[in-house]
């Protein structure tokens, strides 16, 4: 048994994302059923953010210090970047007006990453500021 460590509701309210142990479960809120599970590295999912105007989910909190980005349609892990100075990224916050993702770790470090979208596919990159 693993406890739920984070919840995130989609902007339109049709999907609920839950961090449970080392996986992210995606729930259909109309049917109350789990439609998919995204399996991550060993550790605990602690923070989830949906990037606006994309179908991409940012996850922090794995024990391996990476921030991962998932495609919510295909369920594929698009890429991972090392988290806050090599520590687990326990908290994430997003500034949509500045296109900046903030990550914080248990060590007290906070980092900012610029979100760069390119092309019609809304492919993103997270570059440290």
C-alpha atoms as a PDB file:
ATOM      1  CA  UNK A   1       0.000   0.000   0.000  1.00  0.00           C
ATOM      2  CA  UNK A   2       1.318   3.451  -0.941  1.00  0.00           C
ATOM      3  CA  UNK A   3      -0.361   6.680   0.154  1.00  0.00           C
ATOM      4  CA  UNK A   4      -1.421   9.365  -2.290  1.00  0.00           C
ATOM      5  CA  UNK A   5       1.218  12.113  -2.018  1.00  0.00           C
ATOM      6  CA  UNK A   6      -0.126  14.662  -4.516  1.00  0.00           C
ATOM      7  CA  UNK A   7      -3.234  15.428  -6.575  1.00  0.00           C
ATOM      8  CA  UNK A   8      -3.752  17.610  -9.629  1.00  0.00           C
ATOM      9  CA  UNK A   9      -7.006  18.321 -11.451  1.00  0.00           C
ATOM     10  CA  UNK A  10      -6.893  19.174 -15.156  1.00  0.00           C
ATOM     11  CA  UNK A  11      -8.024  22.670 -16.088  1.00  0.00           C
ATOM     12  CA  UNK A  12     -11.202  21.341 -17.716  1.00  0.00           C
ATOM     13  CA  UNK A  13     -11.898  19.020 -14.768  1.00  0.00           C
ATOM     14  CA  UNK A  14     -12.033  15.841 -16.861  1.00  0.00           C
ATOM     15  CA  UNK A  15      -8.845  14.231 -15.506  1.00  0.00           C
ATOM     16  CA  UNK A  16      -7.392  13.814 -12.044  1.00  0.00           C
ATOM     17  CA  UNK A  17      -3.691  12.984 -11.657  1.00  0.00           C
ATOM     18  CA  UNK A  18      -2.528  11.293  -8.448  1.00  0.00           C
ATOM     19  CA  UNK A  19       0.983  10.554  -7.258  1.00  0.00           C
ATOM     20  CA  UNK A  20       0.995   7.153  -5.571  1.00  0.00           C
ATOM     21  CA  UNK A  21       4.406   5.757  -4.726  1.00  0.00           C
ATOM     22  CA  UNK A  22       6.496   5.705  -7.889  1.00  0.00           C
ATOM     23  CA  UNK A  23       3.618   6.080 -10.323  1.00  0.00           C
ATOM     24  CA  UNK A  24       1.208   8.703 -11.562  1.00  0.00           C
ATOM     25  CA  UNK A  25      -2.338   7.474 -12.009  1.00  0.00           C
ATOM     26  CA  UNK A  26      -4.620   9.291 -14.446  1.00  0.00           C
ATOM     27  CA  UNK A  27      -8.308   9.179 -13.520  1.00  0.00           C
ATOM     28  CA  UNK A  28     -11.365   9.973 -15.629  1.00  0.00           C
ATOM     29  CA  UNK A  29     -13.503  12.142 -13.352  1.00  0.00           C
ATOM     30  CA  UNK A  30     -16.745  11.325 -15.195  1.00  0.00           C
ATOM     31  CA  UNK A  31     -16.405   7.571 -14.693  1.00  0.00           C
ATOM     32  CA  UNK A  32     -14.150   7.536 -11.586  1.00  0.00           C
ATOM     33  CA  UNK A  33     -11.867   5.033 -13.292  1.00  0.00           C
ATOM     34  CA  UNK A  34      -8.109   4.933 -13.687  1.00  0.00           C
ATOM     35  CA  UNK A  35      -7.428   5.252 -17.425  1.00  0.00           C
ATOM     36  CA  UNK A  36      -3.645   4.875 -17.284  1.00  0.00           C
ATOM     37  CA  UNK A  37      -0.681   4.723 -14.950  1.00  0.00           C
ATOM     38  CA  UNK A  38       2.667   6.331 -15.698  1.00  0.00           C
ATOM     39  CA  UNK A  39       5.470   4.307 -14.133  1.00  0.00           C
ATOM     40  CA  UNK A  40       8.440   6.326 -12.963  1.00  0.00           C
ATOM     41  CA  UNK A  41      11.775   5.483 -11.371  1.00  0.00           C
ATOM     42  CA  UNK A  42      11.853   4.195  -7.785  1.00  0.00           C
ATOM     43  CA  UNK A  43      10.861   6.887  -5.336  1.00  0.00           C
ATOM     44  CA  UNK A  44       7.858   8.981  -4.472  1.00  0.00           C
ATOM     45  CA  UNK A  45       5.908  11.382  -6.684  1.00  0.00           C
ATOM     46  CA  UNK A  46       5.584  14.597  -4.679  1.00  0.00           C
ATOM     47  CA  UNK A  47       4.592  17.330  -7.114  1.00  0.00           C
ATOM     48  CA  UNK A  48       2.661  17.542 -10.401  1.00  0.00           C
ATOM     49  CA  UNK A  49       2.048  20.439 -12.796  1.00  0.00           C
ATOM     50  CA  UNK A  50       0.237  20.489 -16.143  1.00  0.00           C
ATOM     51  CA  UNK A  51       1.801  22.859 -18.650  1.00  0.00           C
ATOM     52  CA  UNK A  52      -0.880  25.170 -20.076  1.00  0.00           C
ATOM     53  CA  UNK A  53      -1.893  24.725 -23.711  1.00  0.00           C
ATOM     54  CA  UNK A  54      -0.006  21.423 -23.982  1.00  0.00           C
ATOM     55  CA  UNK A  55      -0.656  17.810 -23.078  1.00  0.00           C
ATOM     56  CA  UNK A  56       2.451  17.626 -20.922  1.00  0.00           C
ATOM     57  CA  UNK A  57       2.724  16.831 -17.225  1.00  0.00           C
ATOM     58  CA  UNK A  58       5.756  17.849 -15.145  1.00  0.00           C
ATOM     59  CA  UNK A  59       6.603  15.654 -12.163  1.00  0.00           C
ATOM     60  CA  UNK A  60       9.021  16.173  -9.280  1.00  0.00           C
ATOM     61  CA  UNK A  61       9.912  14.222  -6.196  1.00  0.00           C
ATOM     62  CA  UNK A  62      11.526  11.016  -7.425  1.00  0.00           C
ATOM     63  CA  UNK A  63      14.440   9.922  -5.278  1.00  0.00           C
ATOM     64  CA  UNK A  64      16.753  10.201  -8.306  1.00  0.00           C
ATOM     65  CA  UNK A  65      16.737  14.048  -8.394  1.00  0.00           C
ATOM     66  CA  UNK A  66      15.121  14.358 -11.832  1.00  0.00           C
ATOM     67  CA  UNK A  67      12.186  16.437 -13.003  1.00  0.00           C
ATOM     68  CA  UNK A  68      10.318  14.396 -15.591  1.00  0.00           C
ATOM     69  CA  UNK A  69       7.965  15.531 -18.344  1.00  0.00           C
ATOM     70  CA  UNK A  70       5.257  13.145 -19.520  1.00  0.00           C
ATOM     71  CA  UNK A  71       3.009  13.186 -22.585  1.00  0.00           C
ATOM     72  CA  UNK A  72      -0.467  12.713 -21.097  1.00  0.00           C
ATOM     73  CA  UNK A  73      -1.882  11.374 -24.377  1.00  0.00           C
ATOM     74  CA  UNK A  74       0.705   8.684 -25.165  1.00  0.00           C
ATOM     75  CA  UNK A  75       1.837   8.055 -21.575  1.00  0.00           C
ATOM     76  CA  UNK A  76       5.469   8.348 -22.668  1.00  0.00           C
ATOM     77  CA  UNK A  77       8.171  10.013 -20.626  1.00  0.00           C
ATOM     78  CA  UNK A  78       9.324  12.774 -22.990  1.00  0.00           C
ATOM     79  CA  UNK A  79      12.467  13.711 -21.103  1.00  0.00           C
ATOM     80  CA  UNK A  80      14.012  14.238 -17.703  1.00  0.00           C
ATOM     81  CA  UNK A  81      16.293  16.967 -16.401  1.00  0.00           C
ATOM     82  CA  UNK A  82      18.336  16.897 -13.233  1.00  0.00           C
ATOM     83  CA  UNK A  83      16.505  18.542 -10.389  1.00  0.00           C
ATOM     84  CA  UNK A  84      17.464  21.097  -7.808  1.00  0.00           C
ATOM     85  CA  UNK A  85      21.271  20.887  -7.488  1.00  0.00           C
ATOM     86  CA  UNK A  86      21.184  17.103  -7.621  1.00  0.00           C
ATOM     87  CA  UNK A  87      18.545  16.779  -4.909  1.00  0.00           C
ATOM     88  CA  UNK A  88      15.027  15.436  -5.189  1.00  0.00           C
ATOM     89  CA  UNK A  89      12.615  18.133  -6.441  1.00  0.00           C
ATOM     90  CA  UNK A  90       9.922  17.968  -3.779  1.00  0.00           C
ATOM     91  CA  UNK A  91       7.962  21.051  -4.804  1.00  0.00           C
ATOM     92  CA  UNK A  92       7.156  22.596  -8.171  1.00  0.00           C
ATOM     93  CA  UNK A  93       5.504  25.905  -9.004  1.00  0.00           C
ATOM     94  CA  UNK A  94       4.737  27.450 -12.370  1.00  0.00           C
ATOM     95  CA  UNK A  95       4.628  31.062 -13.508  1.00  0.00           C
ATOM     96  CA  UNK A  96       2.644  31.076 -16.736  1.00  0.00           C
ATOM     97  CA  UNK A  97       3.164  34.806 -17.239  1.00  0.00           C
ATOM     98  CA  UNK A  98       6.936  34.372 -17.207  1.00  0.00           C
ATOM     99  CA  UNK A  99       7.129  30.791 -18.567  1.00  0.00           C
ATOM    100  CA  UNK A 100       9.211  29.784 -15.563  1.00  0.00           C
ATOM    101  CA  UNK A 101       9.145  26.530 -13.589  1.00  0.00           C
ATOM    102  CA  UNK A 102      10.414  26.739  -9.999  1.00  0.00           C
ATOM    103  CA  UNK A 103      11.665  23.644  -8.179  1.00  0.00           C
ATOM    104  CA  UNK A 104      12.629  23.271  -4.528  1.00  0.00           C
ATOM    105  CA  UNK A 105      14.403  20.504  -2.657  1.00  0.00           C
ATOM    106  CA  UNK A 106      14.668  19.190   0.891  1.00  0.00           C
ATOM    107  CA  UNK A 107      18.048  20.956   1.150  1.00  0.00           C
ATOM    108  CA  UNK A 108      16.287  24.328   0.837  1.00  0.00           C
ATOM    109  CA  UNK A 109      17.565  25.121  -2.664  1.00  0.00           C
ATOM    110  CA  UNK A 110      15.227  26.725  -5.192  1.00  0.00           C
ATOM    111  CA  UNK A 111      15.925  26.791  -8.928  1.00  0.00           C
ATOM    112  CA  UNK A 112      14.196  28.506 -11.828  1.00  0.00           C
ATOM    113  CA  UNK A 113      13.959  26.959 -15.301  1.00  0.00           C
ATOM    114  CA  UNK A 114      12.804  28.717 -18.424  1.00  0.00           C
ATOM    115  CA  UNK A 115      10.123  26.794 -20.323  1.00  0.00           C
ATOM    116  CA  UNK A 116      10.743  26.930 -24.056  1.00  0.00           C
ATOM    117  CA  UNK A 117       8.059  25.698 -26.443  1.00  0.00           C
ATOM    118  CA  UNK A 118       8.977  24.981 -30.028  1.00  0.00           C
ATOM    119  CA  UNK A 119       6.966  24.029 -33.071  1.00  0.00           C
ATOM    120  CA  UNK A 120       3.362  23.033 -33.463  1.00  0.00           C
ATOM    121  CA  UNK A 121       3.910  19.902 -31.385  1.00  0.00           C
ATOM    122  CA  UNK A 122       4.409  22.087 -28.266  1.00  0.00           C
ATOM    123  CA  UNK A 123       7.679  20.277 -27.537  1.00  0.00           C
ATOM    124  CA  UNK A 124       9.181  21.894 -24.473  1.00  0.00           C
ATOM    125  CA  UNK A 125      12.616  22.300 -22.984  1.00  0.00           C
ATOM    126  CA  UNK A 126      13.500  23.283 -19.429  1.00  0.00           C
ATOM    127  CA  UNK A 127      16.638  25.413 -19.318  1.00  0.00           C
ATOM    128  CA  UNK A 128      18.188  26.480 -16.034  1.00  0.00           C
ATOM    129  CA  UNK A 129      18.193  30.255 -15.452  1.00  0.00           C
END
